[in-house]
Amino acid sequence: MKDQIVLDLITSTFLSALNSPSLTEHLQSLKKHLYNRSFSEAFPTSSSSSTQDDSSTDDQNPVLEAYVVRWVPTRVLCYSRIFERIAKFLPESELRVICVGAGCGSESLALQSTLPRQCTVNYVVS
């Protein structure tokens, strides 16, 4: 049940990306960049986008949304399974979490969907 709620949240948030006729094209572009290990082209950083105009940054949003709808759901469910298995060893009062990596959206969503409601979570993203 929890899994379906998380998937419904992603679906409703990115419904326009899922319904986009360009979704396949954006995914193919992403796959090409990822296969070629051209991460800066697949995921431009804020520092590289500061040299670009707003229209090119806006053009990248559908590609980033395509990434979210393609890869985030499975990552969230995988992380959620891991967190469920170790949750019994975590304190229920306060938890400090550090997410290190290219992006922490999947990890953050998985933590929020897995941890008990009474647990206060402080996130540090680096």
PDB file of N, CA and C in Angstrom:
ATOM      1  N   MET A   1       0.822  -1.194   0.000  1.00  0.00           N
ATOM      2  CA  MET A   1       0.000   0.000   0.000  1.00  0.00           C
ATOM      3  C   MET A   1       0.865   1.257   0.000  1.00  0.00           C
ATOM      4  N   LYS A   2       1.896   1.263   0.853  1.00  0.00           N
ATOM      5  CA  LYS A   2       2.786   2.415   0.922  1.00  0.00           C
ATOM      6  C   LYS A   2       3.483   2.632  -0.416  1.00  0.00           C
ATOM      7  N   ASP A   3       3.870   1.547  -1.055  1.00  0.00           N
ATOM      8  CA  ASP A   3       4.528   1.657  -2.356  1.00  0.00           C
ATOM      9  C   ASP A   3       3.628   2.372  -3.363  1.00  0.00           C
ATOM     10  N   GLN A   4       2.367   2.000  -3.378  1.00  0.00           N
ATOM     11  CA  GLN A   4       1.442   2.610  -4.333  1.00  0.00           C
ATOM     12  C   GLN A   4       1.245   4.087  -4.045  1.00  0.00           C
ATOM     13  N   ILE A   5       1.250   4.470  -2.786  1.00  0.00           N
ATOM     14  CA  ILE A   5       1.106   5.883  -2.423  1.00  0.00           C
ATOM     15  C   ILE A   5       2.299   6.682  -2.952  1.00  0.00           C
ATOM     16  N   VAL A   6       3.492   6.141  -2.792  1.00  0.00           N
ATOM     17  CA  VAL A   6       4.698   6.812  -3.290  1.00  0.00           C
ATOM     18  C   VAL A   6       4.652   6.921  -4.810  1.00  0.00           C
ATOM     19  N   LEU A   7       4.277   5.835  -5.475  1.00  0.00           N
ATOM     20  CA  LEU A   7       4.187   5.858  -6.938  1.00  0.00           C
ATOM     21  C   LEU A   7       3.113   6.836  -7.417  1.00  0.00           C
ATOM     22  N   ASP A   8       1.994   6.884  -6.702  1.00  0.00           N
ATOM     23  CA  ASP A   8       0.935   7.845  -7.054  1.00  0.00           C
ATOM     24  C   ASP A   8       1.407   9.287  -6.874  1.00  0.00           C
ATOM     25  N   LEU A   9       2.201   9.527  -5.847  1.00  0.00           N
ATOM     26  CA  LEU A   9       2.737  10.871  -5.617  1.00  0.00           C
ATOM     27  C   LEU A   9       3.636  11.302  -6.773  1.00  0.00           C
ATOM     28  N   ILE A  10       4.520  10.429  -7.198  1.00  0.00           N
ATOM     29  CA  ILE A  10       5.406  10.741  -8.323  1.00  0.00           C
ATOM     30  C   ILE A  10       4.594  10.924  -9.596  1.00  0.00           C
ATOM     31  N   THR A  11       3.619  10.060  -9.813  1.00  0.00           N
ATOM     32  CA  THR A  11       2.783  10.152 -11.015  1.00  0.00           C
ATOM     33  C   THR A  11       2.022  11.464 -11.057  1.00  0.00           C
ATOM     34  N   SER A  12       1.396  11.832  -9.955  1.00  0.00           N
ATOM     35  CA  SER A  12       0.611  13.071  -9.955  1.00  0.00           C
ATOM     36  C   SER A  12       1.494  14.306 -10.058  1.00  0.00           C
ATOM     37  N   THR A  13       2.671  14.248  -9.478  1.00  0.00           N
ATOM     38  CA  THR A  13       3.582  15.388  -9.535  1.00  0.00           C
ATOM     39  C   THR A  13       4.146  15.589 -10.936  1.00  0.00           C
ATOM     40  N   PHE A  14       4.422  14.503 -11.637  1.00  0.00           N
ATOM     41  CA  PHE A  14       5.050  14.579 -12.955  1.00  0.00           C
ATOM     42  C   PHE A  14       4.133  14.068 -14.066  1.00  0.00           C
ATOM     43  N   LEU A  15       2.848  14.302 -13.906  1.00  0.00           N
ATOM     44  CA  LEU A  15       1.870  13.830 -14.882  1.00  0.00           C
ATOM     45  C   LEU A  15       2.117  14.409 -16.265  1.00  0.00           C
ATOM     46  N   SER A  16       2.488  15.678 -16.326  1.00  0.00           N
ATOM     47  CA  SER A  16       2.734  16.283 -17.647  1.00  0.00           C
ATOM     48  C   SER A  16       3.931  15.628 -18.330  1.00  0.00           C
ATOM     49  N   ALA A  17       4.953  15.271 -17.576  1.00  0.00           N
ATOM     50  CA  ALA A  17       6.112  14.591 -18.164  1.00  0.00           C
ATOM     51  C   ALA A  17       5.724  13.193 -18.653  1.00  0.00           C
ATOM     52  N   LEU A  18       4.917  12.492 -17.870  1.00  0.00           N
ATOM     53  CA  LEU A  18       4.485  11.151 -18.269  1.00  0.00           C
ATOM     54  C   LEU A  18       3.608  11.169 -19.517  1.00  0.00           C
ATOM     55  N   ASN A  19       2.825  12.241 -19.679  1.00  0.00           N
ATOM     56  CA  ASN A  19       1.930  12.363 -20.831  1.00  0.00           C
ATOM     57  C   ASN A  19       2.568  13.067 -22.025  1.00  0.00           C
ATOM     58  N   SER A  20       3.800  13.498 -21.867  1.00  0.00           N
ATOM     59  CA  SER A  20       4.464  14.247 -22.926  1.00  0.00           C
ATOM     60  C   SER A  20       4.760  13.365 -24.135  1.00  0.00           C
ATOM     61  N   PRO A  21       4.431  13.843 -25.324  1.00  0.00           N
ATOM     62  CA  PRO A  21       4.795  13.073 -26.516  1.00  0.00           C
ATOM     63  C   PRO A  21       6.306  13.004 -26.733  1.00  0.00           C
ATOM     64  N   SER A  22       7.054  13.866 -26.056  1.00  0.00           N
ATOM     65  CA  SER A  22       8.514  13.901 -26.189  1.00  0.00           C
ATOM     66  C   SER A  22       9.225  13.050 -25.148  1.00  0.00           C
ATOM     67  N   LEU A  23       8.484  12.350 -24.311  1.00  0.00           N
ATOM     68  CA  LEU A  23       9.108  11.574 -23.235  1.00  0.00           C
ATOM     69  C   LEU A  23      10.128  10.574 -23.778  1.00  0.00           C
ATOM     70  N   THR A  24       9.778   9.831 -24.792  1.00  0.00           N
ATOM     71  CA  THR A  24      10.696   8.838 -25.365  1.00  0.00           C
ATOM     72  C   THR A  24      11.952   9.506 -25.905  1.00  0.00           C
ATOM     73  N   GLU A  25      11.789  10.633 -26.566  1.00  0.00           N
ATOM     74  CA  GLU A  25      12.935  11.370 -27.113  1.00  0.00           C
ATOM     75  C   GLU A  25      13.852  11.844 -25.985  1.00  0.00           C
ATOM     76  N   HIS A  26      13.267  12.371 -24.920  1.00  0.00           N
ATOM     77  CA  HIS A  26      14.074  12.841 -23.784  1.00  0.00           C
ATOM     78  C   HIS A  26      14.805  11.682 -23.113  1.00  0.00           C
ATOM     79  N   LEU A  27      14.128  10.551 -22.977  1.00  0.00           N
ATOM     80  CA  LEU A  27      14.767   9.381 -22.366  1.00  0.00           C
ATOM     81  C   LEU A  27      15.919   8.869 -23.220  1.00  0.00           C
ATOM     82  N   GLN A  28      15.729   8.864 -24.542  1.00  0.00           N
ATOM     83  CA  GLN A  28      16.807   8.420 -25.427  1.00  0.00           C
ATOM     84  C   GLN A  28      18.014   9.346 -25.327  1.00  0.00           C
ATOM     85  N   SER A  29      17.758  10.644 -25.234  1.00  0.00           N
ATOM     86  CA  SER A  29      18.842  11.615 -25.076  1.00  0.00           C
ATOM     87  C   SER A  29      19.593  11.363 -23.772  1.00  0.00           C
ATOM     88  N   LEU A  30      18.845  11.158 -22.697  1.00  0.00           N
ATOM     89  CA  LEU A  30      19.469  10.866 -21.409  1.00  0.00           C
ATOM     90  C   LEU A  30      20.287   9.581 -21.458  1.00  0.00           C
ATOM     91  N   LYS A  31      19.720   8.529 -22.028  1.00  0.00           N
ATOM     92  CA  LYS A  31      20.434   7.254 -22.118  1.00  0.00           C
ATOM     93  C   LYS A  31      21.733   7.403 -22.889  1.00  0.00           C
ATOM     94  N   LYS A  32      21.686   8.197 -23.956  1.00  0.00           N
ATOM     95  CA  LYS A  32      22.899   8.421 -24.756  1.00  0.00           C
ATOM     96  C   LYS A  32      23.969   9.113 -23.915  1.00  0.00           C
ATOM     97  N   HIS A  33      23.577  10.169 -23.208  1.00  0.00           N
ATOM     98  CA  HIS A  33      24.545  10.899 -22.381  1.00  0.00           C
ATOM     99  C   HIS A  33      25.080  10.019 -21.247  1.00  0.00           C
ATOM    100  N   LEU A  34      24.200   9.239 -20.633  1.00  0.00           N
ATOM    101  CA  LEU A  34      24.639   8.375 -19.542  1.00  0.00           C
ATOM    102  C   LEU A  34      25.556   7.268 -20.056  1.00  0.00           C
ATOM    103  N   TYR A  35      25.227   6.691 -21.200  1.00  0.00           N
ATOM    104  CA  TYR A  35      26.074   5.653 -21.796  1.00  0.00           C
ATOM    105  C   TYR A  35      27.463   6.206 -22.120  1.00  0.00           C
ATOM    106  N   ASN A  36      27.501   7.439 -22.622  1.00  0.00           N
ATOM    107  CA  ASN A  36      28.778   8.075 -22.969  1.00  0.00           C
ATOM    108  C   ASN A  36      29.456   8.722 -21.760  1.00  0.00           C
ATOM    109  N   ARG A  37      28.832   8.562 -20.597  1.00  0.00           N
ATOM    110  CA  ARG A  37      29.353   9.142 -19.355  1.00  0.00           C
ATOM    111  C   ARG A  37      29.493  10.655 -19.465  1.00  0.00           C
ATOM    112  N   SER A  38      28.588  11.274 -20.203  1.00  0.00           N
ATOM    113  CA  SER A  38      28.541  12.735 -20.356  1.00  0.00           C
ATOM    114  C   SER A  38      27.562  13.288 -19.327  1.00  0.00           C
ATOM    115  N   PHE A  39      27.933  13.171 -18.072  1.00  0.00           N
ATOM    116  CA  PHE A  39      27.026  13.541 -17.002  1.00  0.00           C
ATOM    117  C   PHE A  39      26.721  15.036 -16.985  1.00  0.00           C
ATOM    118  N   SER A  40      27.690  15.847 -17.370  1.00  0.00           N
ATOM    119  CA  SER A  40      27.443  17.289 -17.380  1.00  0.00           C
ATOM    120  C   SER A  40      26.417  17.666 -18.441  1.00  0.00           C
ATOM    121  N   GLU A  41      26.338  16.902 -19.515  1.00  0.00           N
ATOM    122  CA  GLU A  41      25.324  17.161 -20.535  1.00  0.00           C
ATOM    123  C   GLU A  41      23.963  16.603 -20.112  1.00  0.00           C
ATOM    124  N   ALA A  42      23.972  15.492 -19.432  1.00  0.00           N
ATOM    125  CA  ALA A  42      22.714  14.896 -18.976  1.00  0.00           C
ATOM    126  C   ALA A  42      22.114  15.687 -17.822  1.00  0.00           C
ATOM    127  N   PHE A  43      22.962  16.145 -16.907  1.00  0.00           N
ATOM    128  CA  PHE A  43      22.510  16.846 -15.707  1.00  0.00           C
ATOM    129  C   PHE A  43      23.325  18.115 -15.499  1.00  0.00           C
ATOM    130  N   PRO A  44      22.978  19.188 -16.186  1.00  0.00           N
ATOM    131  CA  PRO A  44      23.745  20.420 -16.003  1.00  0.00           C
ATOM    132  C   PRO A  44      23.602  20.938 -14.574  1.00  0.00           C
ATOM    133  N   THR A  45      24.710  21.370 -14.010  1.00  0.00           N
ATOM    134  CA  THR A  45      24.685  21.897 -12.649  1.00  0.00           C
ATOM    135  C   THR A  45      24.270  23.353 -12.668  1.00  0.00           C
ATOM    136  N   SER A  46      23.963  23.876 -11.505  1.00  0.00           N
ATOM    137  CA  SER A  46      23.563  25.282 -11.422  1.00  0.00           C
ATOM    138  C   SER A  46      24.699  26.192 -11.852  1.00  0.00           C
ATOM    139  N   SER A  47      25.951  25.783 -11.619  1.00  0.00           N
ATOM    140  CA  SER A  47      27.079  26.615 -12.027  1.00  0.00           C
ATOM    141  C   SER A  47      27.222  26.657 -13.542  1.00  0.00           C
ATOM    142  N   SER A  48      26.953  25.522 -14.199  1.00  0.00           N
ATOM    143  CA  SER A  48      27.059  25.541 -15.658  1.00  0.00           C
ATOM    144  C   SER A  48      25.840  26.199 -16.278  1.00  0.00           C
ATOM    145  N   SER A  49      24.681  26.110 -15.616  1.00  0.00           N
ATOM    146  CA  SER A  49      23.491  26.736 -16.172  1.00  0.00           C
ATOM    147  C   SER A  49      23.497  28.242 -15.930  1.00  0.00           C
ATOM    148  N   SER A  50      24.347  28.736 -15.026  1.00  0.00           N
ATOM    149  CA  SER A  50      24.398  30.179 -14.802  1.00  0.00           C
ATOM    150  C   SER A  50      25.014  30.895 -15.997  1.00  0.00           C
ATOM    151  N   THR A  51      25.770  30.172 -16.813  1.00  0.00           N
ATOM    152  CA  THR A  51      26.331  30.784 -18.014  1.00  0.00           C
ATOM    153  C   THR A  51      25.369  30.690 -19.188  1.00  0.00           C
ATOM    154  N   GLN A  52      24.282  29.935 -19.005  1.00  0.00           N
ATOM    155  CA  GLN A  52      23.299  29.787 -20.055  1.00  0.00           C
ATOM    156  C   GLN A  52      22.163  30.769 -19.814  1.00  0.00           C
ATOM    157  N   ASP A  53      21.385  31.026 -20.863  1.00  0.00           N
ATOM    158  CA  ASP A  53      20.226  31.879 -20.652  1.00  0.00           C
ATOM    159  C   ASP A  53      19.079  31.053 -20.081  1.00  0.00           C
ATOM    160  N   ASP A  54      18.018  31.720 -19.634  1.00  0.00           N
ATOM    161  CA  ASP A  54      16.896  31.042 -18.995  1.00  0.00           C
ATOM    162  C   ASP A  54      16.198  30.063 -19.931  1.00  0.00           C
ATOM    163  N   SER A  55      16.168  30.349 -21.227  1.00  0.00           N
ATOM    164  CA  SER A  55      15.465  29.459 -22.155  1.00  0.00           C
ATOM    165  C   SER A  55      16.145  28.102 -22.269  1.00  0.00           C
ATOM    166  N   SER A  56      17.477  28.053 -22.240  1.00  0.00           N
ATOM    167  CA  SER A  56      18.156  26.762 -22.323  1.00  0.00           C
ATOM    168  C   SER A  56      17.985  25.980 -21.031  1.00  0.00           C
ATOM    169  N   THR A  57      17.897  26.680 -19.899  1.00  0.00           N
ATOM    170  CA  THR A  57      17.622  26.008 -18.631  1.00  0.00           C
ATOM    171  C   THR A  57      16.208  25.451 -18.653  1.00  0.00           C
ATOM    172  N   ASP A  58      15.254  26.219 -19.182  1.00  0.00           N
ATOM    173  CA  ASP A  58      13.878  25.744 -19.295  1.00  0.00           C
ATOM    174  C   ASP A  58      13.782  24.547 -20.225  1.00  0.00           C
ATOM    175  N   ASP A  59      14.611  24.507 -21.273  1.00  0.00           N
ATOM    176  CA  ASP A  59      14.629  23.373 -22.192  1.00  0.00           C
ATOM    177  C   ASP A  59      15.104  22.103 -21.498  1.00  0.00           C
ATOM    178  N   GLN A  60      15.932  22.233 -20.473  1.00  0.00           N
ATOM    179  CA  GLN A  60      16.475  21.074 -19.768  1.00  0.00           C
ATOM    180  C   GLN A  60      15.461  20.475 -18.796  1.00  0.00           C
ATOM    181  N   ASN A  61      14.496  21.259 -18.321  1.00  0.00           N
ATOM    182  CA  ASN A  61      13.541  20.754 -17.339  1.00  0.00           C
ATOM    183  C   ASN A  61      12.793  19.508 -17.801  1.00  0.00           C
ATOM    184  N   PRO A  62      12.279  19.451 -19.031  1.00  0.00           N
ATOM    185  CA  PRO A  62      11.596  18.213 -19.458  1.00  0.00           C
ATOM    186  C   PRO A  62      12.520  16.994 -19.462  1.00  0.00           C
ATOM    187  N   VAL A  63      13.791  17.198 -19.738  1.00  0.00           N
ATOM    188  CA  VAL A  63      14.745  16.087 -19.728  1.00  0.00           C
ATOM    189  C   VAL A  63      14.961  15.606 -18.289  1.00  0.00           C
ATOM    190  N   LEU A  64      15.086  16.540 -17.377  1.00  0.00           N
ATOM    191  CA  LEU A  64      15.255  16.167 -15.968  1.00  0.00           C
ATOM    192  C   LEU A  64      13.996  15.489 -15.429  1.00  0.00           C
ATOM    193  N   GLU A  65      12.832  15.961 -15.842  1.00  0.00           N
ATOM    194  CA  GLU A  65      11.587  15.329 -15.432  1.00  0.00           C
ATOM    195  C   GLU A  65      11.471  13.920 -16.023  1.00  0.00           C
ATOM    196  N   ALA A  66      11.958  13.741 -17.231  1.00  0.00           N
ATOM    197  CA  ALA A  66      11.972  12.406 -17.838  1.00  0.00           C
ATOM    198  C   ALA A  66      12.841  11.471 -17.000  1.00  0.00           C
ATOM    199  N   TYR A  67      13.974  11.970 -16.528  1.00  0.00           N
ATOM    200  CA  TYR A  67      14.829  11.168 -15.652  1.00  0.00           C
ATOM    201  C   TYR A  67      14.055  10.756 -14.400  1.00  0.00           C
ATOM    202  N   VAL A  68      13.361  11.720 -13.816  1.00  0.00           N
ATOM    203  CA  VAL A  68      12.613  11.440 -12.585  1.00  0.00           C
ATOM    204  C   VAL A  68      11.584  10.340 -12.804  1.00  0.00           C
ATOM    205  N   VAL A  69      10.780  10.462 -13.855  1.00  0.00           N
ATOM    206  CA  VAL A  69       9.709   9.475 -14.048  1.00  0.00           C
ATOM    207  C   VAL A  69      10.237   8.112 -14.467  1.00  0.00           C
ATOM    208  N   ARG A  70      11.431   8.071 -15.037  1.00  0.00           N
ATOM    209  CA  ARG A  70      11.988   6.790 -15.472  1.00  0.00           C
ATOM    210  C   ARG A  70      12.752   6.067 -14.365  1.00  0.00           C
ATOM    211  N   TRP A  71      13.587   6.788 -13.626  1.00  0.00           N
ATOM    212  CA  TRP A  71      14.491   6.123 -12.693  1.00  0.00           C
ATOM    213  C   TRP A  71      14.159   6.322 -11.212  1.00  0.00           C
ATOM    214  N   VAL A  72      13.543   7.413 -10.837  1.00  0.00           N
ATOM    215  CA  VAL A  72      13.287   7.660  -9.415  1.00  0.00           C
ATOM    216  C   VAL A  72      12.336   6.635  -8.791  1.00  0.00           C
ATOM    217  N   PRO A  73      11.225   6.255  -9.424  1.00  0.00           N
ATOM    218  CA  PRO A  73      10.322   5.310  -8.756  1.00  0.00           C
ATOM    219  C   PRO A  73      10.995   4.003  -8.327  1.00  0.00           C
ATOM    220  N   THR A  74      11.770   3.400  -9.197  1.00  0.00           N
ATOM    221  CA  THR A  74      12.416   2.142  -8.829  1.00  0.00           C
ATOM    222  C   THR A  74      13.473   2.354  -7.749  1.00  0.00           C
ATOM    223  N   ARG A  75      14.183   3.482  -7.837  1.00  0.00           N
ATOM    224  CA  ARG A  75      15.187   3.776  -6.814  1.00  0.00           C
ATOM    225  C   ARG A  75      14.521   4.001  -5.452  1.00  0.00           C
ATOM    226  N   VAL A  76      13.411   4.718  -5.438  1.00  0.00           N
ATOM    227  CA  VAL A  76      12.697   4.959  -4.179  1.00  0.00           C
ATOM    228  C   VAL A  76      12.264   3.636  -3.560  1.00  0.00           C
ATOM    229  N   LEU A  77      11.698   2.757  -4.365  1.00  0.00           N
ATOM    230  CA  LEU A  77      11.230   1.474  -3.830  1.00  0.00           C
ATOM    231  C   LEU A  77      12.389   0.616  -3.330  1.00  0.00           C
ATOM    232  N   CYS A  78      13.498   0.638  -4.018  1.00  0.00           N
ATOM    233  CA  CYS A  78      14.675  -0.127  -3.563  1.00  0.00           C
ATOM    234  C   CYS A  78      15.217   0.429  -2.249  1.00  0.00           C
ATOM    235  N   TYR A  79      15.410   1.746  -2.199  1.00  0.00           N
ATOM    236  CA  TYR A  79      15.894   2.358  -0.953  1.00  0.00           C
ATOM    237  C   TYR A  79      14.910   2.127   0.184  1.00  0.00           C
ATOM    238  N   SER A  80      13.636   2.204  -0.117  1.00  0.00           N
ATOM    239  CA  SER A  80      12.615   1.994   0.911  1.00  0.00           C
ATOM    240  C   SER A  80      12.738   0.602   1.517  1.00  0.00           C
ATOM    241  N   ARG A  81      12.972  -0.408   0.691  1.00  0.00           N
ATOM    242  CA  ARG A  81      13.148  -1.780   1.194  1.00  0.00           C
ATOM    243  C   ARG A  81      14.357  -1.868   2.123  1.00  0.00           C
ATOM    244  N   ILE A  82      15.430  -1.204   1.734  1.00  0.00           N
ATOM    245  CA  ILE A  82      16.639  -1.207   2.569  1.00  0.00           C
ATOM    246  C   ILE A  82      16.352  -0.525   3.903  1.00  0.00           C
ATOM    247  N   PHE A  83      15.714   0.655   3.858  1.00  0.00           N
ATOM    248  CA  PHE A  83      15.417   1.396   5.081  1.00  0.00           C
ATOM    249  C   PHE A  83      14.451   0.641   5.979  1.00  0.00           C
ATOM    250  N   GLU A  84      13.484  -0.073   5.393  1.00  0.00           N
ATOM    251  CA  GLU A  84      12.545  -0.866   6.194  1.00  0.00           C
ATOM    252  C   GLU A  84      13.283  -1.935   6.997  1.00  0.00           C
ATOM    253  N   ARG A  85      14.284  -2.536   6.388  1.00  0.00           N
ATOM    254  CA  ARG A  85      15.023  -3.614   7.061  1.00  0.00           C
ATOM    255  C   ARG A  85      15.917  -3.103   8.182  1.00  0.00           C
ATOM    256  N   ILE A  86      16.414  -1.878   8.051  1.00  0.00           N
ATOM    257  CA  ILE A  86      17.294  -1.355   9.109  1.00  0.00           C
ATOM    258  C   ILE A  86      16.569  -0.424  10.069  1.00  0.00           C
ATOM    259  N   ALA A  87      15.304  -0.080   9.789  1.00  0.00           N
ATOM    260  CA  ALA A  87      14.557   0.875  10.623  1.00  0.00           C
ATOM    261  C   ALA A  87      14.442   0.408  12.066  1.00  0.00           C
ATOM    262  N   LYS A  88      14.361  -0.901  12.286  1.00  0.00           N
ATOM    263  CA  LYS A  88      14.208  -1.395  13.654  1.00  0.00           C
ATOM    264  C   LYS A  88      15.441  -1.120  14.512  1.00  0.00           C
ATOM    265  N   PHE A  89      16.557  -0.795  13.875  1.00  0.00           N
ATOM    266  CA  PHE A  89      17.779  -0.495  14.614  1.00  0.00           C
ATOM    267  C   PHE A  89      17.995   1.003  14.816  1.00  0.00           C
ATOM    268  N   LEU A  90      17.083   1.823  14.272  1.00  0.00           N
ATOM    269  CA  LEU A  90      17.225   3.271  14.348  1.00  0.00           C
ATOM    270  C   LEU A  90      16.446   3.825  15.533  1.00  0.00           C
ATOM    271  N   PRO A  91      16.951   4.906  16.151  1.00  0.00           N
ATOM    272  CA  PRO A  91      16.201   5.521  17.244  1.00  0.00           C
ATOM    273  C   PRO A  91      14.904   6.141  16.712  1.00  0.00           C
ATOM    274  N   GLU A  92      13.874   6.146  17.551  1.00  0.00           N
ATOM    275  CA  GLU A  92      12.585   6.676  17.111  1.00  0.00           C
ATOM    276  C   GLU A  92      12.378   8.133  17.486  1.00  0.00           C
ATOM    277  N   SER A  93      13.296   8.741  18.185  1.00  0.00           N
ATOM    278  CA  SER A  93      13.089  10.121  18.604  1.00  0.00           C
ATOM    279  C   SER A  93      13.661  11.115  17.607  1.00  0.00           C
ATOM    280  N   GLU A  94      14.923  10.996  17.328  1.00  0.00           N
ATOM    281  CA  GLU A  94      15.560  11.936  16.411  1.00  0.00           C
ATOM    282  C   GLU A  94      16.588  11.188  15.578  1.00  0.00           C
ATOM    283  N   LEU A  95      16.624  11.530  14.310  1.00  0.00           N
ATOM    284  CA  LEU A  95      17.531  10.859  13.393  1.00  0.00           C
ATOM    285  C   LEU A  95      18.203  11.915  12.536  1.00  0.00           C
ATOM    286  N   ARG A  96      19.509  11.823  12.401  1.00  0.00           N
ATOM    287  CA  ARG A  96      20.253  12.739  11.535  1.00  0.00           C
ATOM    288  C   ARG A  96      20.685  11.952  10.314  1.00  0.00           C
ATOM    289  N   VAL A  97      20.378  12.499   9.141  1.00  0.00           N
ATOM    290  CA  VAL A  97      20.633  11.800   7.897  1.00  0.00           C
ATOM    291  C   VAL A  97      21.506  12.672   7.009  1.00  0.00           C
ATOM    292  N   ILE A  98      22.538  12.075   6.448  1.00  0.00           N
ATOM    293  CA  ILE A  98      23.384  12.759   5.479  1.00  0.00           C
ATOM    294  C   ILE A  98      23.257  12.005   4.164  1.00  0.00           C
ATOM    295  N   CYS A  99      22.842  12.712   3.127  1.00  0.00           N
ATOM    296  CA  CYS A  99      22.741  12.117   1.802  1.00  0.00           C
ATOM    297  C   CYS A  99      23.875  12.664   0.955  1.00  0.00           C
ATOM    298  N   VAL A 100      24.750  11.796   0.520  1.00  0.00           N
ATOM    299  CA  VAL A 100      25.893  12.184  -0.274  1.00  0.00           C
ATOM    300  C   VAL A 100      25.765  11.528  -1.639  1.00  0.00           C
ATOM    301  N   GLY A 101      25.959  12.308  -2.678  1.00  0.00           N
ATOM    302  CA  GLY A 101      25.902  11.717  -4.003  1.00  0.00           C
ATOM    303  C   GLY A 101      25.429  12.722  -5.023  1.00  0.00           C
ATOM    304  N   ALA A 102      25.106  12.218  -6.187  1.00  0.00           N
ATOM    305  CA  ALA A 102      24.706  13.074  -7.295  1.00  0.00           C
ATOM    306  C   ALA A 102      23.359  13.730  -7.049  1.00  0.00           C
ATOM    307  N   GLY A 103      22.524  13.101  -6.281  1.00  0.00           N
ATOM    308  CA  GLY A 103      21.208  13.639  -5.970  1.00  0.00           C
ATOM    309  C   GLY A 103      20.592  12.796  -4.887  1.00  0.00           C
ATOM    310  N   CYS A 104      19.798  13.402  -4.078  1.00  0.00           N
ATOM    311  CA  CYS A 104      19.263  12.634  -2.950  1.00  0.00           C
ATOM    312  C   CYS A 104      17.747  12.569  -2.975  1.00  0.00           C
ATOM    313  N   GLY A 105      17.105  12.856  -4.092  1.00  0.00           N
ATOM    314  CA  GLY A 105      15.648  12.830  -4.158  1.00  0.00           C
ATOM    315  C   GLY A 105      15.070  11.472  -3.845  1.00  0.00           C
ATOM    316  N   SER A 106      15.623  10.429  -4.436  1.00  0.00           N
ATOM    317  CA  SER A 106      15.111   9.074  -4.210  1.00  0.00           C
ATOM    318  C   SER A 106      15.310   8.649  -2.761  1.00  0.00           C
ATOM    319  N   GLU A 107      16.493   8.936  -2.237  1.00  0.00           N
ATOM    320  CA  GLU A 107      16.797   8.557  -0.861  1.00  0.00           C
ATOM    321  C   GLU A 107      15.894   9.305   0.114  1.00  0.00           C
ATOM    322  N   SER A 108      15.715  10.590  -0.121  1.00  0.00           N
ATOM    323  CA  SER A 108      14.885  11.409   0.755  1.00  0.00           C
ATOM    324  C   SER A 108      13.438  10.938   0.746  1.00  0.00           C
ATOM    325  N   LEU A 109      12.895  10.696  -0.426  1.00  0.00           N
ATOM    326  CA  LEU A 109      11.517  10.219  -0.538  1.00  0.00           C
ATOM    327  C   LEU A 109      11.358   8.851   0.123  1.00  0.00           C
ATOM    328  N   ALA A 110      12.328   7.983  -0.048  1.00  0.00           N
ATOM    329  CA  ALA A 110      12.275   6.658   0.578  1.00  0.00           C
ATOM    330  C   ALA A 110      12.312   6.770   2.100  1.00  0.00           C
ATOM    331  N   LEU A 111      13.178   7.640   2.616  1.00  0.00           N
ATOM    332  CA  LEU A 111      13.233   7.835   4.072  1.00  0.00           C
ATOM    333  C   LEU A 111      11.912   8.367   4.600  1.00  0.00           C
ATOM    334  N   GLN A 112      11.364   9.354   3.912  1.00  0.00           N
ATOM    335  CA  GLN A 112      10.112   9.948   4.369  1.00  0.00           C
ATOM    336  C   GLN A 112       8.968   8.953   4.335  1.00  0.00           C
ATOM    337  N   SER A 113       8.971   8.041   3.400  1.00  0.00           N
ATOM    338  CA  SER A 113       7.882   7.073   3.305  1.00  0.00           C
ATOM    339  C   SER A 113       8.075   5.880   4.235  1.00  0.00           C
ATOM    340  N   THR A 114       9.291   5.666   4.725  1.00  0.00           N
ATOM    341  CA  THR A 114       9.597   4.476   5.510  1.00  0.00           C
ATOM    342  C   THR A 114       9.619   4.718   7.010  1.00  0.00           C
ATOM    343  N   LEU A 115      10.195   5.837   7.410  1.00  0.00           N
ATOM    344  CA  LEU A 115      10.391   6.067   8.839  1.00  0.00           C
ATOM    345  C   LEU A 115       9.067   6.356   9.548  1.00  0.00           C
ATOM    346  N   PRO A 116       8.998   5.997  10.813  1.00  0.00           N
ATOM    347  CA  PRO A 116       7.774   6.258  11.570  1.00  0.00           C
ATOM    348  C   PRO A 116       7.465   7.752  11.643  1.00  0.00           C
ATOM    349  N   ARG A 117       6.202   8.078  11.711  1.00  0.00           N
ATOM    350  CA  ARG A 117       5.772   9.482  11.731  1.00  0.00           C
ATOM    351  C   ARG A 117       6.294  10.232  12.953  1.00  0.00           C
ATOM    352  N   GLN A 118       6.488   9.559  14.081  1.00  0.00           N
ATOM    353  CA  GLN A 118       6.925  10.234  15.286  1.00  0.00           C
ATOM    354  C   GLN A 118       8.415  10.572  15.267  1.00  0.00           C
ATOM    355  N   CYS A 119       9.115  10.077  14.272  1.00  0.00           N
ATOM    356  CA  CYS A 119      10.557  10.303  14.173  1.00  0.00           C
ATOM    357  C   CYS A 119      10.825  11.653  13.520  1.00  0.00           C
ATOM    358  N   THR A 120      11.655  12.473  14.142  1.00  0.00           N
ATOM    359  CA  THR A 120      12.068  13.749  13.577  1.00  0.00           C
ATOM    360  C   THR A 120      13.346  13.513  12.793  1.00  0.00           C
ATOM    361  N   VAL A 121      13.336  13.909  11.531  1.00  0.00           N
ATOM    362  CA  VAL A 121      14.490  13.671  10.671  1.00  0.00           C
ATOM    363  C   VAL A 121      15.114  15.001  10.285  1.00  0.00           C
ATOM    364  N   ASN A 122      16.404  15.125  10.483  1.00  0.00           N
ATOM    365  CA  ASN A 122      17.160  16.289  10.046  1.00  0.00           C
ATOM    366  C   ASN A 122      18.021  15.860   8.872  1.00  0.00           C
ATOM    367  N   TYR A 123      17.800  16.475   7.713  1.00  0.00           N
ATOM    368  CA  TYR A 123      18.540  16.110   6.514  1.00  0.00           C
ATOM    369  C   TYR A 123      19.703  17.071   6.300  1.00  0.00           C
ATOM    370  N   VAL A 124      20.827  16.516   5.915  1.00  0.00           N
ATOM    371  CA  VAL A 124      21.968  17.299   5.463  1.00  0.00           C
ATOM    372  C   VAL A 124      22.301  16.778   4.073  1.00  0.00           C
ATOM    373  N   VAL A 125      22.238  17.660   3.088  1.00  0.00           N
ATOM    374  CA  VAL A 125      22.507  17.267   1.709  1.00  0.00           C
ATOM    375  C   VAL A 125      23.815  17.898   1.296  1.00  0.00           C
ATOM    376  N   SER A 126      24.720  17.074   0.774  1.00  0.00           N
ATOM    377  CA  SER A 126      25.986  17.639   0.298  1.00  0.00           C
ATOM    378  C   SER A 126      26.293  17.134  -1.070  1.00  0.00           C
TER     379      SER A 126
END
